[in-house]
PDB file of N, CA and C in Angstrom:
ATOM      1  N   MET A   1       0.843  -1.160   0.000  1.00  0.00           N
ATOM      2  CA  MET A   1       0.000   0.000   0.000  1.00  0.00           C
ATOM      3  C   MET A   1       0.896   1.234   0.000  1.00  0.00           C
ATOM      4  N   VAL A   2       0.547   2.182  -0.867  1.00  0.00           N
ATOM      5  CA  VAL A   2       1.247   3.464  -0.914  1.00  0.00           C
ATOM      6  C   VAL A   2       0.208   4.570  -0.951  1.00  0.00           C
ATOM      7  N   GLU A   3       0.576   5.725  -0.420  1.00  0.00           N
ATOM      8  CA  GLU A   3      -0.347   6.850  -0.375  1.00  0.00           C
ATOM      9  C   GLU A   3       0.433   8.122  -0.658  1.00  0.00           C
ATOM     10  N   SER A   4      -0.133   8.965  -1.500  1.00  0.00           N
ATOM     11  CA  SER A   4       0.496  10.243  -1.804  1.00  0.00           C
ATOM     12  C   SER A   4      -0.402  11.047  -2.732  1.00  0.00           C
ATOM     13  N   ASN A   5      -0.032  12.285  -2.962  1.00  0.00           N
ATOM     14  CA  ASN A   5      -0.616  13.078  -4.043  1.00  0.00           C
ATOM     15  C   ASN A   5       0.231  12.767  -5.279  1.00  0.00           C
ATOM     16  N   PHE A   6      -0.071  11.657  -5.934  1.00  0.00           N
ATOM     17  CA  PHE A   6       0.739  11.226  -7.062  1.00  0.00           C
ATOM     18  C   PHE A   6       0.537  12.135  -8.253  1.00  0.00           C
ATOM     19  N   ASP A   7       1.610  12.392  -8.972  1.00  0.00           N
ATOM     20  CA  ASP A   7       1.602  13.189 -10.189  1.00  0.00           C
ATOM     21  C   ASP A   7       1.152  12.279 -11.332  1.00  0.00           C
ATOM     22  N   ALA A   8       0.070  12.660 -12.002  1.00  0.00           N
ATOM     23  CA  ALA A   8      -0.527  11.826 -13.045  1.00  0.00           C
ATOM     24  C   ALA A   8       0.408  11.594 -14.227  1.00  0.00           C
ATOM     25  N   GLU A   9       1.452  12.389 -14.358  1.00  0.00           N
ATOM     26  CA  GLU A   9       2.396  12.191 -15.453  1.00  0.00           C
ATOM     27  C   GLU A   9       3.654  11.458 -14.994  1.00  0.00           C
ATOM     28  N   SER A  10       4.312  11.965 -13.995  1.00  0.00           N
ATOM     29  CA  SER A  10       5.634  11.436 -13.647  1.00  0.00           C
ATOM     30  C   SER A  10       5.621  10.234 -12.710  1.00  0.00           C
ATOM     31  N   ASP A  11       4.521   9.950 -12.055  1.00  0.00           N
ATOM     32  CA  ASP A  11       4.496   8.849 -11.085  1.00  0.00           C
ATOM     33  C   ASP A  11       3.904   7.548 -11.627  1.00  0.00           C
ATOM     34  N   VAL A  12       3.584   7.488 -12.894  1.00  0.00           N
ATOM     35  CA  VAL A  12       2.925   6.319 -13.460  1.00  0.00           C
ATOM     36  C   VAL A  12       3.891   5.164 -13.722  1.00  0.00           C
ATOM     37  N   GLU A  13       5.018   5.448 -14.326  1.00  0.00           N
ATOM     38  CA  GLU A  13       5.919   4.374 -14.770  1.00  0.00           C
ATOM     39  C   GLU A  13       6.410   3.470 -13.646  1.00  0.00           C
ATOM     40  N   PRO A  14       6.761   3.969 -12.469  1.00  0.00           N
ATOM     41  CA  PRO A  14       7.176   3.034 -11.405  1.00  0.00           C
ATOM     42  C   PRO A  14       6.095   2.010 -11.055  1.00  0.00           C
ATOM     43  N   PHE A  15       4.842   2.419 -11.098  1.00  0.00           N
ATOM     44  CA  PHE A  15       3.756   1.478 -10.817  1.00  0.00           C
ATOM     45  C   PHE A  15       3.578   0.481 -11.961  1.00  0.00           C
ATOM     46  N   ARG A  16       3.717   0.949 -13.181  1.00  0.00           N
ATOM     47  CA  ARG A  16       3.625   0.035 -14.328  1.00  0.00           C
ATOM     48  C   ARG A  16       4.747  -1.003 -14.282  1.00  0.00           C
ATOM     49  N   ARG A  17       5.946  -0.551 -13.944  1.00  0.00           N
ATOM     50  CA  ARG A  17       7.079  -1.467 -13.841  1.00  0.00           C
ATOM     51  C   ARG A  17       6.848  -2.489 -12.722  1.00  0.00           C
ATOM     52  N   LEU A  18       6.369  -2.031 -11.593  1.00  0.00           N
ATOM     53  CA  LEU A  18       6.066  -2.933 -10.474  1.00  0.00           C
ATOM     54  C   LEU A  18       5.033  -3.979 -10.885  1.00  0.00           C
ATOM     55  N   GLU A  19       4.010  -3.551 -11.597  1.00  0.00           N
ATOM     56  CA  GLU A  19       2.964  -4.476 -12.045  1.00  0.00           C
ATOM     57  C   GLU A  19       3.517  -5.501 -13.018  1.00  0.00           C
ATOM     58  N   ARG A  20       4.434  -5.088 -13.894  1.00  0.00           N
ATOM     59  CA  ARG A  20       5.049  -6.011 -14.854  1.00  0.00           C
ATOM     60  C   ARG A  20       5.967  -7.020 -14.172  1.00  0.00           C
ATOM     61  N   GLU A  21       6.691  -6.578 -13.156  1.00  0.00           N
ATOM     62  CA  GLU A  21       7.720  -7.399 -12.530  1.00  0.00           C
ATOM     63  C   GLU A  21       7.208  -8.293 -11.406  1.00  0.00           C
ATOM     64  N   ARG A  22       6.041  -8.021 -10.878  1.00  0.00           N
ATOM     65  CA  ARG A  22       5.546  -8.763  -9.724  1.00  0.00           C
ATOM     66  C   ARG A  22       4.188  -9.377 -10.033  1.00  0.00           C
ATOM     67  N   ASP A  23       3.857 -10.398  -9.304  1.00  0.00           N
ATOM     68  CA  ASP A  23       2.542 -11.014  -9.413  1.00  0.00           C
ATOM     69  C   ASP A  23       1.609 -10.278  -8.446  1.00  0.00           C
ATOM     70  N   LEU A  24       0.997  -9.214  -8.940  1.00  0.00           N
ATOM     71  CA  LEU A  24       0.140  -8.409  -8.071  1.00  0.00           C
ATOM     72  C   LEU A  24      -1.002  -7.795  -8.867  1.00  0.00           C
ATOM     73  N   ARG A  25      -1.959  -7.291  -8.153  1.00  0.00           N
ATOM     74  CA  ARG A  25      -3.070  -6.553  -8.757  1.00  0.00           C
ATOM     75  C   ARG A  25      -3.071  -5.150  -8.181  1.00  0.00           C
ATOM     76  N   LEU A  26      -3.128  -4.179  -9.065  1.00  0.00           N
ATOM     77  CA  LEU A  26      -3.166  -2.799  -8.617  1.00  0.00           C
ATOM     78  C   LEU A  26      -4.611  -2.382  -8.371  1.00  0.00           C
ATOM     79  N   VAL A  27      -4.835  -1.772  -7.238  1.00  0.00           N
ATOM     80  CA  VAL A  27      -6.125  -1.182  -6.901  1.00  0.00           C
ATOM     81  C   VAL A  27      -5.835   0.264  -6.520  1.00  0.00           C
ATOM     82  N   GLN A  28      -6.381   1.177  -7.287  1.00  0.00           N
ATOM     83  CA  GLN A  28      -6.139   2.600  -7.072  1.00  0.00           C
ATOM     84  C   GLN A  28      -7.394   3.239  -6.494  1.00  0.00           C
ATOM     85  N   ILE A  29      -7.236   3.910  -5.387  1.00  0.00           N
ATOM     86  CA  ILE A  29      -8.337   4.694  -4.823  1.00  0.00           C
ATOM     87  C   ILE A  29      -7.997   6.145  -5.099  1.00  0.00           C
ATOM     88  N   HIS A  30      -8.794   6.780  -5.938  1.00  0.00           N
ATOM     89  CA  HIS A  30      -8.548   8.179  -6.275  1.00  0.00           C
ATOM     90  C   HIS A  30      -9.525   9.050  -5.489  1.00  0.00           C
ATOM     91  N   CYS A  31      -8.970   9.901  -4.654  1.00  0.00           N
ATOM     92  CA  CYS A  31      -9.777  10.826  -3.857  1.00  0.00           C
ATOM     93  C   CYS A  31      -9.857  12.139  -4.610  1.00  0.00           C
ATOM     94  N   GLY A  32     -11.012  12.455  -5.112  1.00  0.00           N
ATOM     95  CA  GLY A  32     -11.208  13.668  -5.896  1.00  0.00           C
ATOM     96  C   GLY A  32     -12.493  14.349  -5.494  1.00  0.00           C
ATOM     97  N   GLY A  33     -13.070  15.057  -6.425  1.00  0.00           N
ATOM     98  CA  GLY A  33     -14.317  15.763  -6.192  1.00  0.00           C
ATOM     99  C   GLY A  33     -14.293  17.103  -6.893  1.00  0.00           C
ATOM    100  N   PRO A  34     -15.340  17.884  -6.688  1.00  0.00           N
ATOM    101  CA  PRO A  34     -15.391  19.209  -7.314  1.00  0.00           C
ATOM    102  C   PRO A  34     -14.254  20.102  -6.805  1.00  0.00           C
ATOM    103  N   THR A  35     -13.567  20.755  -7.722  1.00  0.00           N
ATOM    104  CA  THR A  35     -12.404  21.572  -7.381  1.00  0.00           C
ATOM    105  C   THR A  35     -12.709  22.591  -6.297  1.00  0.00           C
ATOM    106  N   ASP A  36     -13.802  23.332  -6.439  1.00  0.00           N
ATOM    107  CA  ASP A  36     -14.118  24.357  -5.440  1.00  0.00           C
ATOM    108  C   ASP A  36     -14.260  23.763  -4.045  1.00  0.00           C
ATOM    109  N   ARG A  37     -14.899  22.602  -3.954  1.00  0.00           N
ATOM    110  CA  ARG A  37     -15.079  21.967  -2.645  1.00  0.00           C
ATOM    111  C   ARG A  37     -13.756  21.465  -2.080  1.00  0.00           C
ATOM    112  N   ILE A  38     -12.894  20.917  -2.929  1.00  0.00           N
ATOM    113  CA  ILE A  38     -11.592  20.440  -2.457  1.00  0.00           C
ATOM    114  C   ILE A  38     -10.753  21.612  -1.946  1.00  0.00           C
ATOM    115  N   VAL A  39     -10.728  22.700  -2.686  1.00  0.00           N
ATOM    116  CA  VAL A  39      -9.948  23.872  -2.298  1.00  0.00           C
ATOM    117  C   VAL A  39     -10.478  24.449  -0.979  1.00  0.00           C
ATOM    118  N   GLU A  40     -11.782  24.547  -0.858  1.00  0.00           N
ATOM    119  CA  GLU A  40     -12.387  25.053   0.378  1.00  0.00           C
ATOM    120  C   GLU A  40     -12.059  24.135   1.560  1.00  0.00           C
ATOM    121  N   HIS A  41     -12.174  22.841   1.330  1.00  0.00           N
ATOM    122  CA  HIS A  41     -11.871  21.858   2.377  1.00  0.00           C
ATOM    123  C   HIS A  41     -10.402  21.970   2.800  1.00  0.00           C
ATOM    124  N   PHE A  42      -9.503  22.104   1.830  1.00  0.00           N
ATOM    125  CA  PHE A  42      -8.088  22.265   2.138  1.00  0.00           C
ATOM    126  C   PHE A  42      -7.860  23.502   3.000  1.00  0.00           C
ATOM    127  N   ALA A  43      -8.430  24.636   2.602  1.00  0.00           N
ATOM    128  CA  ALA A  43      -8.240  25.885   3.350  1.00  0.00           C
ATOM    129  C   ALA A  43      -8.784  25.759   4.768  1.00  0.00           C
ATOM    130  N   ASP A  44      -9.939  25.110   4.912  1.00  0.00           N
ATOM    131  CA  ASP A  44     -10.516  24.907   6.251  1.00  0.00           C
ATOM    132  C   ASP A  44      -9.594  24.065   7.124  1.00  0.00           C
ATOM    133  N   ARG A  45      -9.090  22.974   6.563  1.00  0.00           N
ATOM    134  CA  ARG A  45      -8.192  22.095   7.326  1.00  0.00           C
ATOM    135  C   ARG A  45      -6.890  22.814   7.670  1.00  0.00           C
ATOM    136  N   ALA A  46      -6.365  23.591   6.733  1.00  0.00           N
ATOM    137  CA  ALA A  46      -5.094  24.289   6.966  1.00  0.00           C
ATOM    138  C   ALA A  46      -5.229  25.365   8.030  1.00  0.00           C
ATOM    139  N   SER A  47      -6.412  25.923   8.180  1.00  0.00           N
ATOM    140  CA  SER A  47      -6.595  26.986   9.175  1.00  0.00           C
ATOM    141  C   SER A  47      -6.962  26.445  10.550  1.00  0.00           C
ATOM    142  N   GLY A  48      -7.259  25.160  10.651  1.00  0.00           N
ATOM    143  CA  GLY A  48      -7.641  24.569  11.925  1.00  0.00           C
ATOM    144  C   GLY A  48      -6.444  24.069  12.701  1.00  0.00           C
ATOM    145  N   ASP A  49      -6.706  23.586  13.902  1.00  0.00           N
ATOM    146  CA  ASP A  49      -5.622  23.091  14.740  1.00  0.00           C
ATOM    147  C   ASP A  49      -5.563  21.565  14.762  1.00  0.00           C
ATOM    148  N   ARG A  50      -6.357  20.899  13.915  1.00  0.00           N
ATOM    149  CA  ARG A  50      -6.359  19.438  13.890  1.00  0.00           C
ATOM    150  C   ARG A  50      -5.343  18.868  12.901  1.00  0.00           C
ATOM    151  N   ARG A  51      -4.768  19.700  12.081  1.00  0.00           N
ATOM    152  CA  ARG A  51      -3.792  19.266  11.071  1.00  0.00           C
ATOM    153  C   ARG A  51      -2.425  19.140  11.737  1.00  0.00           C
ATOM    154  N   HIS A  52      -1.710  18.058  11.444  1.00  0.00           N
ATOM    155  CA  HIS A  52      -0.370  17.857  12.003  1.00  0.00           C
ATOM    156  C   HIS A  52       0.551  18.965  11.495  1.00  0.00           C
ATOM    157  N   PRO A  53       1.333  19.581  12.382  1.00  0.00           N
ATOM    158  CA  PRO A  53       2.194  20.692  11.954  1.00  0.00           C
ATOM    159  C   PRO A  53       3.232  20.298  10.907  1.00  0.00           C
ATOM    160  N   GLY A  54       3.529  19.018  10.789  1.00  0.00           N
ATOM    161  CA  GLY A  54       4.477  18.564   9.782  1.00  0.00           C
ATOM    162  C   GLY A  54       4.011  18.830   8.365  1.00  0.00           C
ATOM    163  N   HIS A  55       2.694  19.006   8.173  1.00  0.00           N
ATOM    164  CA  HIS A  55       2.175  19.289   6.832  1.00  0.00           C
ATOM    165  C   HIS A  55       2.532  20.696   6.380  1.00  0.00           C
ATOM    166  N   ASP A  56       2.730  21.595   7.337  1.00  0.00           N
ATOM    167  CA  ASP A  56       3.128  22.968   7.035  1.00  0.00           C
ATOM    168  C   ASP A  56       2.208  23.632   6.012  1.00  0.00           C
ATOM    169  N   ASP A  57       0.903  23.367   6.119  1.00  0.00           N
ATOM    170  CA  ASP A  57      -0.083  23.967   5.220  1.00  0.00           C
ATOM    171  C   ASP A  57      -0.559  25.304   5.776  1.00  0.00           C
ATOM    172  N   ASP A  58      -0.787  26.233   4.890  1.00  0.00           N
ATOM    173  CA  ASP A  58      -1.406  27.506   5.224  1.00  0.00           C
ATOM    174  C   ASP A  58      -2.642  27.655   4.365  1.00  0.00           C
ATOM    175  N   PRO A  59      -3.672  28.346   4.860  1.00  0.00           N
ATOM    176  CA  PRO A  59      -4.864  28.581   4.017  1.00  0.00           C
ATOM    177  C   PRO A  59      -4.505  29.260   2.699  1.00  0.00           C
ATOM    178  N   GLU A  60      -3.440  30.060   2.694  1.00  0.00           N
ATOM    179  CA  GLU A  60      -3.023  30.747   1.466  1.00  0.00           C
ATOM    180  C   GLU A  60      -2.546  29.767   0.393  1.00  0.00           C
ATOM    181  N   ASP A  61      -2.195  28.546   0.790  1.00  0.00           N
ATOM    182  CA  ASP A  61      -1.760  27.527  -0.172  1.00  0.00           C
ATOM    183  C   ASP A  61      -2.918  26.998  -1.020  1.00  0.00           C
ATOM    184  N   ALA A  62      -4.136  27.374  -0.688  1.00  0.00           N
ATOM    185  CA  ALA A  62      -5.308  26.847  -1.375  1.00  0.00           C
ATOM    186  C   ALA A  62      -5.280  27.168  -2.873  1.00  0.00           C
ATOM    187  N   GLU A  63      -4.785  28.320  -3.240  1.00  0.00           N
ATOM    188  CA  GLU A  63      -4.749  28.662  -4.668  1.00  0.00           C
ATOM    189  C   GLU A  63      -3.733  27.809  -5.425  1.00  0.00           C
ATOM    190  N   GLU A  64      -2.661  27.401  -4.763  1.00  0.00           N
ATOM    191  CA  GLU A  64      -1.719  26.467  -5.388  1.00  0.00           C
ATOM    192  C   GLU A  64      -2.387  25.113  -5.594  1.00  0.00           C
ATOM    193  N   VAL A  65      -3.182  24.687  -4.623  1.00  0.00           N
ATOM    194  CA  VAL A  65      -3.937  23.439  -4.748  1.00  0.00           C
ATOM    195  C   VAL A  65      -4.885  23.545  -5.938  1.00  0.00           C
ATOM    196  N   ARG A  66      -5.575  24.672  -6.071  1.00  0.00           N
ATOM    197  CA  ARG A  66      -6.486  24.878  -7.204  1.00  0.00           C
ATOM    198  C   ARG A  66      -5.735  24.784  -8.538  1.00  0.00           C
ATOM    199  N   ARG A  67      -4.576  25.436  -8.633  1.00  0.00           N
ATOM    200  CA  ARG A  67      -3.803  25.403  -9.882  1.00  0.00           C
ATOM    201  C   ARG A  67      -3.417  23.972 -10.245  1.00  0.00           C
ATOM    202  N   LYS A  68      -2.998  23.194  -9.250  1.00  0.00           N
ATOM    203  CA  LYS A  68      -2.596  21.809  -9.519  1.00  0.00           C
ATOM    204  C   LYS A  68      -3.794  20.952  -9.928  1.00  0.00           C
ATOM    205  N   LEU A  69      -4.930  21.167  -9.285  1.00  0.00           N
ATOM    206  CA  LEU A  69      -6.144  20.441  -9.671  1.00  0.00           C
ATOM    207  C   LEU A  69      -6.565  20.816 -11.091  1.00  0.00           C
ATOM    208  N   ASP A  70      -6.575  22.115 -11.384  1.00  0.00           N
ATOM    209  CA  ASP A  70      -6.965  22.576 -12.720  1.00  0.00           C
ATOM    210  C   ASP A  70      -6.024  22.070 -13.800  1.00  0.00           C
ATOM    211  N   ALA A  71      -4.744  21.880 -13.464  1.00  0.00           N
ATOM    212  CA  ALA A  71      -3.761  21.388 -14.425  1.00  0.00           C
ATOM    213  C   ALA A  71      -3.850  19.872 -14.617  1.00  0.00           C
ATOM    214  N   GLY A  72      -4.662  19.205 -13.798  1.00  0.00           N
ATOM    215  CA  GLY A  72      -4.813  17.761 -13.920  1.00  0.00           C
ATOM    216  C   GLY A  72      -3.686  16.971 -13.270  1.00  0.00           C
ATOM    217  N   LEU A  73      -2.893  17.637 -12.450  1.00  0.00           N
ATOM    218  CA  LEU A  73      -1.739  16.989 -11.833  1.00  0.00           C
ATOM    219  C   LEU A  73      -2.121  15.782 -10.987  1.00  0.00           C
ATOM    220  N   TRP A  74      -3.266  15.840 -10.327  1.00  0.00           N
ATOM    221  CA  TRP A  74      -3.657  14.773  -9.406  1.00  0.00           C
ATOM    222  C   TRP A  74      -4.820  13.940  -9.928  1.00  0.00           C
ATOM    223  N   GLU A  75      -4.945  13.835 -11.237  1.00  0.00           N
ATOM    224  CA  GLU A  75      -5.961  12.965 -11.828  1.00  0.00           C
ATOM    225  C   GLU A  75      -5.597  11.512 -11.544  1.00  0.00           C
ATOM    226  N   PRO A  76      -6.548  10.583 -11.730  1.00  0.00           N
ATOM    227  CA  PRO A  76      -6.196   9.165 -11.551  1.00  0.00           C
ATOM    228  C   PRO A  76      -5.037   8.776 -12.460  1.00  0.00           C
ATOM    229  N   LEU A  77      -4.195   7.890 -11.958  1.00  0.00           N
ATOM    230  CA  LEU A  77      -3.063   7.419 -12.750  1.00  0.00           C
ATOM    231  C   LEU A  77      -3.563   6.435 -13.801  1.00  0.00           C
ATOM    232  N   GLU A  78      -2.984   6.500 -14.991  1.00  0.00           N
ATOM    233  CA  GLU A  78      -3.346   5.568 -16.053  1.00  0.00           C
ATOM    234  C   GLU A  78      -2.594   4.271 -15.828  1.00  0.00           C
ATOM    235  N   LEU A  79      -3.247   3.380 -15.095  1.00  0.00           N
ATOM    236  CA  LEU A  79      -2.632   2.115 -14.700  1.00  0.00           C
ATOM    237  C   LEU A  79      -3.590   0.966 -14.967  1.00  0.00           C
ATOM    238  N   PRO A  80      -3.039  -0.233 -15.141  1.00  0.00           N
ATOM    239  CA  PRO A  80      -3.908  -1.410 -15.201  1.00  0.00           C
ATOM    240  C   PRO A  80      -4.497  -1.648 -13.808  1.00  0.00           C
ATOM    241  N   GLY A  81      -5.586  -2.356 -13.777  1.00  0.00           N
ATOM    242  CA  GLY A  81      -6.195  -2.681 -12.486  1.00  0.00           C
ATOM    243  C   GLY A  81      -7.436  -1.868 -12.215  1.00  0.00           C
ATOM    244  N   GLU A  82      -7.920  -2.010 -11.025  1.00  0.00           N
ATOM    245  CA  GLU A  82      -9.172  -1.391 -10.598  1.00  0.00           C
ATOM    246  C   GLU A  82      -8.951   0.055 -10.171  1.00  0.00           C
ATOM    247  N   LEU A  83      -9.838   0.947 -10.612  1.00  0.00           N
ATOM    248  CA  LEU A  83      -9.859   2.337 -10.165  1.00  0.00           C
ATOM    249  C   LEU A  83     -11.140   2.554  -9.387  1.00  0.00           C
ATOM    250  N   ILE A  84     -10.996   2.964  -8.150  1.00  0.00           N
ATOM    251  CA  ILE A  84     -12.141   3.294  -7.300  1.00  0.00           C
ATOM    252  C   ILE A  84     -12.053   4.784  -7.024  1.00  0.00           C
ATOM    253  N   ALA A  85     -13.023   5.540  -7.516  1.00  0.00           N
ATOM    254  CA  ALA A  85     -13.031   6.987  -7.333  1.00  0.00           C
ATOM    255  C   ALA A  85     -14.003   7.349  -6.215  1.00  0.00           C
ATOM    256  N   ILE A  86     -13.512   8.163  -5.284  1.00  0.00           N
ATOM    257  CA  ILE A  86     -14.392   8.635  -4.215  1.00  0.00           C
ATOM    258  C   ILE A  86     -14.275  10.148  -4.108  1.00  0.00           C
ATOM    259  N   ASP A  87     -15.329  10.755  -3.606  1.00  0.00           N
ATOM    260  CA  ASP A  87     -15.351  12.192  -3.363  1.00  0.00           C
ATOM    261  C   ASP A  87     -14.698  12.426  -2.006  1.00  0.00           C
ATOM    262  N   VAL A  88     -13.551  13.029  -2.007  1.00  0.00           N
ATOM    263  CA  VAL A  88     -12.744  13.185  -0.793  1.00  0.00           C
ATOM    264  C   VAL A  88     -13.420  14.060   0.263  1.00  0.00           C
ATOM    265  N   VAL A  89     -14.304  14.943  -0.129  1.00  0.00           N
ATOM    266  CA  VAL A  89     -14.950  15.816   0.849  1.00  0.00           C
ATOM    267  C   VAL A  89     -16.406  15.428   1.096  1.00  0.00           C
ATOM    268  N   ALA A  90     -16.833  14.306   0.555  1.00  0.00           N
ATOM    269  CA  ALA A  90     -18.207  13.857   0.775  1.00  0.00           C
ATOM    270  C   ALA A  90     -18.402  13.462   2.232  1.00  0.00           C
ATOM    271  N   GLU A  91     -19.539  13.753   2.737  1.00  0.00           N
ATOM    272  CA  GLU A  91     -19.854  13.419   4.123  1.00  0.00           C
ATOM    273  C   GLU A  91     -20.282  11.970   4.274  1.00  0.00           C
ATOM    274  N   ASP A  92     -20.653  11.324   3.182  1.00  0.00           N
ATOM    275  CA  ASP A  92     -21.286  10.014   3.282  1.00  0.00           C
ATOM    276  C   ASP A  92     -20.416   8.868   2.749  1.00  0.00           C
ATOM    277  N   VAL A  93     -19.094   8.987   2.845  1.00  0.00           N
ATOM    278  CA  VAL A  93     -18.218   7.909   2.403  1.00  0.00           C
ATOM    279  C   VAL A  93     -18.382   6.738   3.369  1.00  0.00           C
ATOM    280  N   ASP A  94     -18.773   5.597   2.836  1.00  0.00           N
ATOM    281  CA  ASP A  94     -18.941   4.383   3.636  1.00  0.00           C
ATOM    282  C   ASP A  94     -17.621   3.623   3.592  1.00  0.00           C
ATOM    283  N   HIS A  95     -16.855   3.743   4.661  1.00  0.00           N
ATOM    284  CA  HIS A  95     -15.520   3.136   4.682  1.00  0.00           C
ATOM    285  C   HIS A  95     -15.579   1.612   4.650  1.00  0.00           C
ATOM    286  N   GLY A  96     -16.613   1.026   5.224  1.00  0.00           N
ATOM    287  CA  GLY A  96     -16.779  -0.426   5.152  1.00  0.00           C
ATOM    288  C   GLY A  96     -17.006  -0.879   3.724  1.00  0.00           C
ATOM    289  N   GLU A  97     -17.842  -0.152   3.004  1.00  0.00           N
ATOM    290  CA  GLU A  97     -18.098  -0.470   1.595  1.00  0.00           C
ATOM    291  C   GLU A  97     -16.830  -0.275   0.762  1.00  0.00           C
ATOM    292  N   LEU A  98     -16.092   0.780   1.044  1.00  0.00           N
ATOM    293  CA  LEU A  98     -14.845   1.025   0.323  1.00  0.00           C
ATOM    294  C   LEU A  98     -13.856  -0.125   0.555  1.00  0.00           C
ATOM    295  N   ALA A  99     -13.718  -0.560   1.796  1.00  0.00           N
ATOM    296  CA  ALA A  99     -12.826  -1.678   2.106  1.00  0.00           C
ATOM    297  C   ALA A  99     -13.272  -2.947   1.385  1.00  0.00           C
ATOM    298  N   ALA A 100     -14.574  -3.181   1.326  1.00  0.00           N
ATOM    299  CA  ALA A 100     -15.091  -4.362   0.633  1.00  0.00           C
ATOM    300  C   ALA A 100     -14.783  -4.288  -0.862  1.00  0.00           C
ATOM    301  N   ARG A 101     -14.891  -3.109  -1.455  1.00  0.00           N
ATOM    302  CA  ARG A 101     -14.577  -2.945  -2.880  1.00  0.00           C
ATOM    303  C   ARG A 101     -13.099  -3.203  -3.146  1.00  0.00           C
ATOM    304  N   VAL A 102     -12.245  -2.756  -2.248  1.00  0.00           N
ATOM    305  CA  VAL A 102     -10.798  -2.975  -2.413  1.00  0.00           C
ATOM    306  C   VAL A 102     -10.498  -4.473  -2.304  1.00  0.00           C
ATOM    307  N   ARG A 103     -11.080  -5.120  -1.306  1.00  0.00           N
ATOM    308  CA  ARG A 103     -10.852  -6.572  -1.157  1.00  0.00           C
ATOM    309  C   ARG A 103     -11.337  -7.331  -2.386  1.00  0.00           C
ATOM    310  N   ALA A 104     -12.508  -6.972  -2.900  1.00  0.00           N
ATOM    311  CA  ALA A 104     -13.059  -7.659  -4.077  1.00  0.00           C
ATOM    312  C   ALA A 104     -12.165  -7.441  -5.298  1.00  0.00           C
ATOM    313  N   ALA A 105     -11.648  -6.234  -5.449  1.00  0.00           N
ATOM    314  CA  ALA A 105     -10.787  -5.940  -6.598  1.00  0.00           C
ATOM    315  C   ALA A 105      -9.453  -6.648  -6.500  1.00  0.00           C
ATOM    316  N   ALA A 106      -8.993  -6.891  -5.302  1.00  0.00           N
ATOM    317  CA  ALA A 106      -7.692  -7.536  -5.098  1.00  0.00           C
ATOM    318  C   ALA A 106      -7.759  -9.058  -5.193  1.00  0.00           C
ATOM    319  N   ASP A 107      -8.950  -9.624  -5.131  1.00  0.00           N
ATOM    320  CA  ASP A 107      -9.089 -11.093  -5.206  1.00  0.00           C
ATOM    321  C   ASP A 107      -8.974 -11.606  -6.621  1.00  0.00           C
TER     322      ASP A 107
END
């Protein structure tokens, strides 16, 4: 399992190589949603005290997040395997259902 804000252009090949070289199934969970809501959510989290200080986020960084989203930098990676897209700021994400979908895709 790996987690990051992967770059849709430069981060694809290492995963493709891993898939070619190993007996595995790739399951990608892409956390996305409407740009305005993601940017607002980011700014809210950055201005609160619940964010770990190691993230070093400021609400002013929200426009950089918008630029990267608009540029398609964090779109789903073009990889073989299952793609599960979820709305990262949705209130009704069923984590049990998400886990079941990942298990089913990995079998």
